[in-house]
């Protein structure tokens, strides 16, 4: 039971990290000190996509699921709603590169807004 809960926590953290990578610059608009953390996270997220690496959270989650005696992702809110977002079916190398480019473009736009607002003050 505890391993199943821990696996759910890992998947939730994974999802939140992905959201932070993509749109964390919006938080930087409010809390400027997050800029360095976000830039590192965004760089890491894009690098994983470009290199085709697997995020270290994925094997951790899988180990916890196996320790819980689970073999798949059936059941529960987290497995049903979050996993398809994090692990889409049909994910190809080309889609990974496209997603990496998307992360960079979104963040360039958001940081452009941040810089514009800073200069405007």
C-alpha atoms as a PDB file:
ATOM      1  CA  UNK A   1       0.000   0.000   0.000  1.00  0.00           C
ATOM      2  CA  UNK A   2       2.747   2.499   0.919  1.00  0.00           C
ATOM      3  CA  UNK A   3       4.646   1.790  -2.331  1.00  0.00           C
ATOM      4  CA  UNK A   4       1.504   2.450  -4.332  1.00  0.00           C
ATOM      5  CA  UNK A   5       0.981   5.772  -2.561  1.00  0.00           C
ATOM      6  CA  UNK A   6       4.644   6.721  -3.059  1.00  0.00           C
ATOM      7  CA  UNK A   7       4.360   5.864  -6.766  1.00  0.00           C
ATOM      8  CA  UNK A   8       1.309   8.139  -7.003  1.00  0.00           C
ATOM      9  CA  UNK A   9       3.256  10.919  -5.279  1.00  0.00           C
ATOM     10  CA  UNK A  10       6.137  10.471  -7.748  1.00  0.00           C
ATOM     11  CA  UNK A  11       3.762  10.680 -10.720  1.00  0.00           C
ATOM     12  CA  UNK A  12       2.133  13.823  -9.280  1.00  0.00           C
ATOM     13  CA  UNK A  13       5.571  15.426  -8.722  1.00  0.00           C
ATOM     14  CA  UNK A  14       6.523  14.412 -12.260  1.00  0.00           C
ATOM     15  CA  UNK A  15       3.406  16.088 -13.642  1.00  0.00           C
ATOM     16  CA  UNK A  16       3.989  19.258 -11.601  1.00  0.00           C
ATOM     17  CA  UNK A  17       7.610  19.376 -12.769  1.00  0.00           C
ATOM     18  CA  UNK A  18       6.465  19.185 -16.393  1.00  0.00           C
ATOM     19  CA  UNK A  19       3.991  22.023 -15.825  1.00  0.00           C
ATOM     20  CA  UNK A  20       6.744  24.059 -14.108  1.00  0.00           C
ATOM     21  CA  UNK A  21       9.120  23.443 -17.037  1.00  0.00           C
ATOM     22  CA  UNK A  22       6.564  24.597 -19.586  1.00  0.00           C
ATOM     23  CA  UNK A  23       4.964  27.581 -17.848  1.00  0.00           C
ATOM     24  CA  UNK A  24       7.056  28.183 -14.725  1.00  0.00           C
ATOM     25  CA  UNK A  25       8.109  31.550 -16.115  1.00  0.00           C
ATOM     26  CA  UNK A  26       4.629  32.744 -15.168  1.00  0.00           C
ATOM     27  CA  UNK A  27       5.652  32.210 -11.550  1.00  0.00           C
ATOM     28  CA  UNK A  28       8.828  34.175 -12.240  1.00  0.00           C
ATOM     29  CA  UNK A  29       6.623  37.150 -13.116  1.00  0.00           C
ATOM     30  CA  UNK A  30       5.440  37.119  -9.503  1.00  0.00           C
ATOM     31  CA  UNK A  31       8.516  35.751  -7.701  1.00  0.00           C
ATOM     32  CA  UNK A  32      11.696  36.840  -9.498  1.00  0.00           C
ATOM     33  CA  UNK A  33      13.906  34.643  -7.307  1.00  0.00           C
ATOM     34  CA  UNK A  34      12.517  31.560  -9.050  1.00  0.00           C
ATOM     35  CA  UNK A  35      14.240  32.536 -12.291  1.00  0.00           C
ATOM     36  CA  UNK A  36      17.350  30.410 -11.745  1.00  0.00           C
ATOM     37  CA  UNK A  37      15.427  27.364 -10.582  1.00  0.00           C
ATOM     38  CA  UNK A  38      13.076  27.644 -13.519  1.00  0.00           C
ATOM     39  CA  UNK A  39      15.808  28.150 -16.098  1.00  0.00           C
ATOM     40  CA  UNK A  40      17.611  25.034 -14.839  1.00  0.00           C
ATOM     41  CA  UNK A  41      14.352  23.036 -14.851  1.00  0.00           C
ATOM     42  CA  UNK A  42      13.436  24.259 -18.355  1.00  0.00           C
ATOM     43  CA  UNK A  43      16.922  23.432 -19.629  1.00  0.00           C
ATOM     44  CA  UNK A  44      16.700  19.948 -18.088  1.00  0.00           C
ATOM     45  CA  UNK A  45      13.217  19.348 -19.524  1.00  0.00           C
ATOM     46  CA  UNK A  46      14.231  20.413 -23.018  1.00  0.00           C
ATOM     47  CA  UNK A  47      17.477  18.409 -22.796  1.00  0.00           C
ATOM     48  CA  UNK A  48      15.563  15.254 -21.874  1.00  0.00           C
ATOM     49  CA  UNK A  49      13.327  15.754 -24.909  1.00  0.00           C
ATOM     50  CA  UNK A  50      16.173  16.537 -27.319  1.00  0.00           C
ATOM     51  CA  UNK A  51      18.367  13.665 -26.148  1.00  0.00           C
ATOM     52  CA  UNK A  52      15.522  11.161 -25.856  1.00  0.00           C
ATOM     53  CA  UNK A  53      16.478  10.433 -22.265  1.00  0.00           C
ATOM     54  CA  UNK A  54      14.143   9.091 -19.635  1.00  0.00           C
ATOM     55  CA  UNK A  55      13.488  11.302 -16.623  1.00  0.00           C
ATOM     56  CA  UNK A  56      14.880   9.734 -13.440  1.00  0.00           C
ATOM     57  CA  UNK A  57      11.414   9.938 -11.907  1.00  0.00           C
ATOM     58  CA  UNK A  58      10.095   7.367 -14.406  1.00  0.00           C
ATOM     59  CA  UNK A  59      12.239   4.408 -13.271  1.00  0.00           C
ATOM     60  CA  UNK A  60      11.649   5.411  -9.639  1.00  0.00           C
ATOM     61  CA  UNK A  61       7.909   5.310 -10.155  1.00  0.00           C
ATOM     62  CA  UNK A  62       8.117   1.968 -11.964  1.00  0.00           C
ATOM     63  CA  UNK A  63      10.204   0.454  -9.144  1.00  0.00           C
ATOM     64  CA  UNK A  64       7.670   1.645  -6.591  1.00  0.00           C
ATOM     65  CA  UNK A  65       4.813   0.171  -8.648  1.00  0.00           C
ATOM     66  CA  UNK A  66       6.602  -3.185  -8.869  1.00  0.00           C
ATOM     67  CA  UNK A  67       7.284  -3.089  -5.124  1.00  0.00           C
ATOM     68  CA  UNK A  68       3.552  -2.505  -4.629  1.00  0.00           C
ATOM     69  CA  UNK A  69       2.827  -5.599  -6.709  1.00  0.00           C
ATOM     70  CA  UNK A  70       1.391  -3.569  -9.575  1.00  0.00           C
ATOM     71  CA  UNK A  71       2.105  -4.259 -13.193  1.00  0.00           C
ATOM     72  CA  UNK A  72       0.263  -1.442 -14.882  1.00  0.00           C
ATOM     73  CA  UNK A  73      -1.448   1.865 -14.475  1.00  0.00           C
ATOM     74  CA  UNK A  74      -5.042   0.802 -14.038  1.00  0.00           C
ATOM     75  CA  UNK A  75      -7.148   2.386 -11.322  1.00  0.00           C
ATOM     76  CA  UNK A  76      -7.127   5.641  -9.406  1.00  0.00           C
ATOM     77  CA  UNK A  77      -7.393   9.270 -10.453  1.00  0.00           C
ATOM     78  CA  UNK A  78      -3.670   9.832 -10.883  1.00  0.00           C
ATOM     79  CA  UNK A  79      -3.162   6.809 -13.112  1.00  0.00           C
ATOM     80  CA  UNK A  80      -6.224   7.499 -15.203  1.00  0.00           C
ATOM     81  CA  UNK A  81      -5.814  11.239 -15.765  1.00  0.00           C
ATOM     82  CA  UNK A  82      -2.166  12.154 -15.320  1.00  0.00           C
ATOM     83  CA  UNK A  83      -0.288   9.224 -16.835  1.00  0.00           C
ATOM     84  CA  UNK A  84      -1.628   9.716 -20.393  1.00  0.00           C
ATOM     85  CA  UNK A  85      -0.384  13.321 -20.239  1.00  0.00           C
ATOM     86  CA  UNK A  86       3.090  12.366 -18.997  1.00  0.00           C
ATOM     87  CA  UNK A  87       3.431   9.137 -21.008  1.00  0.00           C
ATOM     88  CA  UNK A  88       1.384   9.654 -24.211  1.00  0.00           C
ATOM     89  CA  UNK A  89       0.951   6.634 -26.445  1.00  0.00           C
ATOM     90  CA  UNK A  90       2.709   6.873 -29.791  1.00  0.00           C
ATOM     91  CA  UNK A  91       5.481   9.120 -28.439  1.00  0.00           C
ATOM     92  CA  UNK A  92       8.123   9.172 -31.170  1.00  0.00           C
ATOM     93  CA  UNK A  93      11.566  10.755 -31.354  1.00  0.00           C
ATOM     94  CA  UNK A  94      10.192  13.443 -33.687  1.00  0.00           C
ATOM     95  CA  UNK A  95       7.425  14.296 -31.221  1.00  0.00           C
ATOM     96  CA  UNK A  96       9.994  14.507 -28.412  1.00  0.00           C
ATOM     97  CA  UNK A  97      12.054  16.996 -30.418  1.00  0.00           C
ATOM     98  CA  UNK A  98       8.903  18.978 -31.238  1.00  0.00           C
ATOM     99  CA  UNK A  99       8.016  19.072 -27.521  1.00  0.00           C
ATOM    100  CA  UNK A 100      11.536  20.244 -26.655  1.00  0.00           C
ATOM    101  CA  UNK A 101      11.272  23.053 -29.213  1.00  0.00           C
ATOM    102  CA  UNK A 102       7.846  23.926 -27.814  1.00  0.00           C
ATOM    103  CA  UNK A 103       9.272  24.236 -24.292  1.00  0.00           C
ATOM    104  CA  UNK A 104      11.955  26.603 -25.563  1.00  0.00           C
ATOM    105  CA  UNK A 105       9.512  28.730 -27.593  1.00  0.00           C
ATOM    106  CA  UNK A 106       7.005  29.055 -24.740  1.00  0.00           C
ATOM    107  CA  UNK A 107       9.747  30.038 -22.325  1.00  0.00           C
ATOM    108  CA  UNK A 108      11.345  32.512 -24.741  1.00  0.00           C
ATOM    109  CA  UNK A 109       7.983  34.233 -25.092  1.00  0.00           C
ATOM    110  CA  UNK A 110       7.386  34.295 -21.338  1.00  0.00           C
ATOM    111  CA  UNK A 111      10.890  35.543 -20.560  1.00  0.00           C
ATOM    112  CA  UNK A 112      10.496  38.154 -23.290  1.00  0.00           C
ATOM    113  CA  UNK A 113       7.446  39.411 -21.403  1.00  0.00           C
ATOM    114  CA  UNK A 114       9.401  39.372 -18.134  1.00  0.00           C
ATOM    115  CA  UNK A 115      12.284  41.339 -19.653  1.00  0.00           C
ATOM    116  CA  UNK A 116       9.885  43.792 -21.286  1.00  0.00           C
ATOM    117  CA  UNK A 117       8.131  44.399 -17.965  1.00  0.00           C
ATOM    118  CA  UNK A 118      11.456  44.852 -16.179  1.00  0.00           C
ATOM    119  CA  UNK A 119      12.699  47.404 -18.716  1.00  0.00           C
ATOM    120  CA  UNK A 120       9.343  49.184 -18.752  1.00  0.00           C
ATOM    121  CA  UNK A 121       9.485  49.860 -14.970  1.00  0.00           C
END
